[in-house]
PDB file of N, CA and C in Angstrom:
ATOM      1  N   LYS A   1     -58.008  84.398 109.820  1.00  0.00           N
ATOM      2  CA  LYS A   1     -56.839  85.252 110.068  1.00  0.00           C
ATOM      3  C   LYS A   1     -56.010  84.678 111.224  1.00  0.00           C
ATOM      4  N   THR A   2     -56.649  84.467 112.355  1.00  0.00           N
ATOM      5  CA  THR A   2     -55.912  83.985 113.534  1.00  0.00           C
ATOM      6  C   THR A   2     -55.218  82.665 113.239  1.00  0.00           C
ATOM      7  N   PHE A   3     -55.940  81.750 112.589  1.00  0.00           N
ATOM      8  CA  PHE A   3     -55.367  80.430 112.304  1.00  0.00           C
ATOM      9  C   PHE A   3     -54.138  80.564 111.408  1.00  0.00           C
ATOM     10  N   ARG A   4     -54.225  81.483 110.429  1.00  0.00           N
ATOM     11  CA  ARG A   4     -53.108  81.678 109.511  1.00  0.00           C
ATOM     12  C   ARG A   4     -51.874  82.170 110.276  1.00  0.00           C
ATOM     13  N   ILE A   5     -52.060  83.112 111.179  1.00  0.00           N
ATOM     14  CA  ILE A   5     -50.942  83.647 111.968  1.00  0.00           C
ATOM     15  C   ILE A   5     -50.351  82.548 112.841  1.00  0.00           C
ATOM     16  N   LEU A   6     -51.218  81.756 113.486  1.00  0.00           N
ATOM     17  CA  LEU A   6     -50.734  80.680 114.358  1.00  0.00           C
ATOM     18  C   LEU A   6     -49.939  79.660 113.563  1.00  0.00           C
ATOM     19  N   SER A   7     -50.453  79.258 112.392  1.00  0.00           N
ATOM     20  CA  SER A   7     -49.768  78.250 111.587  1.00  0.00           C
ATOM     21  C   SER A   7     -48.421  78.791 111.111  1.00  0.00           C
ATOM     22  N   GLU A   8     -48.377  80.081 110.767  1.00  0.00           N
ATOM     23  CA  GLU A   8     -47.120  80.674 110.309  1.00  0.00           C
ATOM     24  C   GLU A   8     -46.101  80.678 111.443  1.00  0.00           C
ATOM     25  N   ARG A   9     -46.538  81.059 112.638  1.00  0.00           N
ATOM     26  CA  ARG A   9     -45.649  81.097 113.798  1.00  0.00           C
ATOM     27  C   ARG A   9     -45.154  79.682 114.111  1.00  0.00           C
ATOM     28  N   TYR A  10     -46.063  78.712 114.035  1.00  0.00           N
ATOM     29  CA  TYR A  10     -45.700  77.319 114.332  1.00  0.00           C
ATOM     30  C   TYR A  10     -44.678  76.810 113.317  1.00  0.00           C
ATOM     31  N   ARG A  11     -44.881  77.189 112.035  1.00  0.00           N
ATOM     32  CA  ARG A  11     -43.960  76.751 110.991  1.00  0.00           C
ATOM     33  C   ARG A  11     -42.561  77.316 111.251  1.00  0.00           C
ATOM     34  N   ASN A  12     -42.480  78.595 111.633  1.00  0.00           N
ATOM     35  CA  ASN A  12     -41.179  79.202 111.916  1.00  0.00           C
ATOM     36  C   ASN A  12     -40.499  78.496 113.080  1.00  0.00           C
ATOM     37  N   ARG A  13     -41.274  78.196 114.117  1.00  0.00           N
ATOM     38  CA  ARG A  13     -40.709  77.536 115.295  1.00  0.00           C
ATOM     39  C   ARG A  13     -40.210  76.144 114.915  1.00  0.00           C
ATOM     40  N   ARG A  14     -41.005  75.434 114.091  1.00  0.00           N
ATOM     41  CA  ARG A  14     -40.618  74.076 113.695  1.00  0.00           C
ATOM     42  C   ARG A  14     -39.357  74.114 112.834  1.00  0.00           C
ATOM     43  N   LYS A  15     -39.232  75.123 111.973  1.00  0.00           N
ATOM     44  CA  LYS A  15     -38.049  75.240 111.122  1.00  0.00           C
ATOM     45  C   LYS A  15     -36.810  75.446 111.986  1.00  0.00           C
ATOM     46  N   ARG A  16     -36.921  76.342 112.980  1.00  0.00           N
ATOM     47  CA  ARG A  16     -35.801  76.620 113.877  1.00  0.00           C
ATOM     48  C   ARG A  16     -35.434  75.352 114.655  1.00  0.00           C
ATOM     49  N   PHE A  17     -36.459  74.632 115.117  1.00  0.00           N
ATOM     50  CA  PHE A  17     -36.240  73.406 115.879  1.00  0.00           C
ATOM     51  C   PHE A  17     -35.531  72.374 115.004  1.00  0.00           C
ATOM     52  N   GLY A  18     -35.941  72.281 113.734  1.00  0.00           N
ATOM     53  CA  GLY A  18     -35.324  71.339 112.800  1.00  0.00           C
ATOM     54  C   GLY A  18     -33.858  71.675 112.577  1.00  0.00           C
ATOM     55  N   LEU A  19     -33.547  72.969 112.447  1.00  0.00           N
ATOM     56  CA  LEU A  19     -32.155  73.382 112.257  1.00  0.00           C
ATOM     57  C   LEU A  19     -31.321  72.967 113.453  1.00  0.00           C
ATOM     58  N   ARG A  20     -31.860  73.152 114.657  1.00  0.00           N
ATOM     59  CA  ARG A  20     -31.136  72.796 115.876  1.00  0.00           C
ATOM     60  C   ARG A  20     -30.882  71.290 115.911  1.00  0.00           C
ATOM     61  N   ILE A  21     -31.877  70.504 115.533  1.00  0.00           N
ATOM     62  CA  ILE A  21     -31.721  69.037 115.525  1.00  0.00           C
ATOM     63  C   ILE A  21     -30.663  68.638 114.503  1.00  0.00           C
ATOM     64  N   ASN A  22     -30.664  69.297 113.343  1.00  0.00           N
ATOM     65  CA  ASN A  22     -29.669  68.981 112.317  1.00  0.00           C
ATOM     66  C   ASN A  22     -28.266  69.272 112.827  1.00  0.00           C
ATOM     67  N   LEU A  23     -28.081  70.387 113.533  1.00  0.00           N
ATOM     68  CA  LEU A  23     -26.768  70.728 114.084  1.00  0.00           C
ATOM     69  C   LEU A  23     -26.322  69.674 115.082  1.00  0.00           C
ATOM     70  N   ILE A  24     -27.209  69.280 115.979  1.00  0.00           N
ATOM     71  CA  ILE A  24     -26.876  68.271 116.995  1.00  0.00           C
ATOM     72  C   ILE A  24     -26.533  66.953 116.317  1.00  0.00           C
ATOM     73  N   ALA A  25     -27.318  66.560 115.317  1.00  0.00           N
ATOM     74  CA  ALA A  25     -27.072  65.303 114.600  1.00  0.00           C
ATOM     75  C   ALA A  25     -25.707  65.347 113.923  1.00  0.00           C
ATOM     76  N   ALA A  26     -25.353  66.480 113.328  1.00  0.00           N
ATOM     77  CA  ALA A  26     -24.056  66.616 112.665  1.00  0.00           C
ATOM     78  C   ALA A  26     -22.927  66.469 113.684  1.00  0.00           C
ATOM     79  N   LEU A  27     -23.078  67.093 114.847  1.00  0.00           N
ATOM     80  CA  LEU A  27     -22.052  66.982 115.893  1.00  0.00           C
ATOM     81  C   LEU A  27     -21.911  65.538 116.353  1.00  0.00           C
ATOM     82  N   VAL A  28     -23.017  64.855 116.568  1.00  0.00           N
ATOM     83  CA  VAL A  28     -22.991  63.455 117.013  1.00  0.00           C
ATOM     84  C   VAL A  28     -22.313  62.588 115.962  1.00  0.00           C
ATOM     85  N   ASN A  29     -22.658  62.808 114.690  1.00  0.00           N
ATOM     86  CA  ASN A  29     -22.048  62.021 113.616  1.00  0.00           C
ATOM     87  C   ASN A  29     -20.542  62.238 113.577  1.00  0.00           C
ATOM     88  N   ARG A  30     -20.097  63.479 113.744  1.00  0.00           N
ATOM     89  CA  ARG A  30     -18.669  63.791 113.723  1.00  0.00           C
ATOM     90  C   ARG A  30     -17.969  63.086 114.884  1.00  0.00           C
ATOM     91  N   MET A  31     -18.587  63.119 116.071  1.00  0.00           N
ATOM     92  CA  MET A  31     -17.999  62.462 117.243  1.00  0.00           C
ATOM     93  C   MET A  31     -17.929  60.954 117.014  1.00  0.00           C
ATOM     94  N   ASN A  32     -18.964  60.382 116.403  1.00  0.00           N
ATOM     95  CA  ASN A  32     -18.974  58.942 116.146  1.00  0.00           C
ATOM     96  C   ASN A  32     -17.876  58.564 115.157  1.00  0.00           C
ATOM     97  N   LEU A  33     -17.640  59.435 114.166  1.00  0.00           N
ATOM     98  CA  LEU A  33     -16.591  59.146 113.180  1.00  0.00           C
ATOM     99  C   LEU A  33     -15.222  59.146 113.851  1.00  0.00           C
ATOM    100  N   GLN A  34     -15.017  60.058 114.789  1.00  0.00           N
ATOM    101  CA  GLN A  34     -13.726  60.123 115.482  1.00  0.00           C
ATOM    102  C   GLN A  34     -13.670  59.001 116.507  1.00  0.00           C
TER     103      GLN A  34
END
């Protein structure tokens, strides 16, 4: 039970972190294009 909850929480955090990285990468790419 505990491991399942921890893995689920970690997955949510990693997903949020990935979204943030994607946003930053998109901004950097746009700046590089300009």
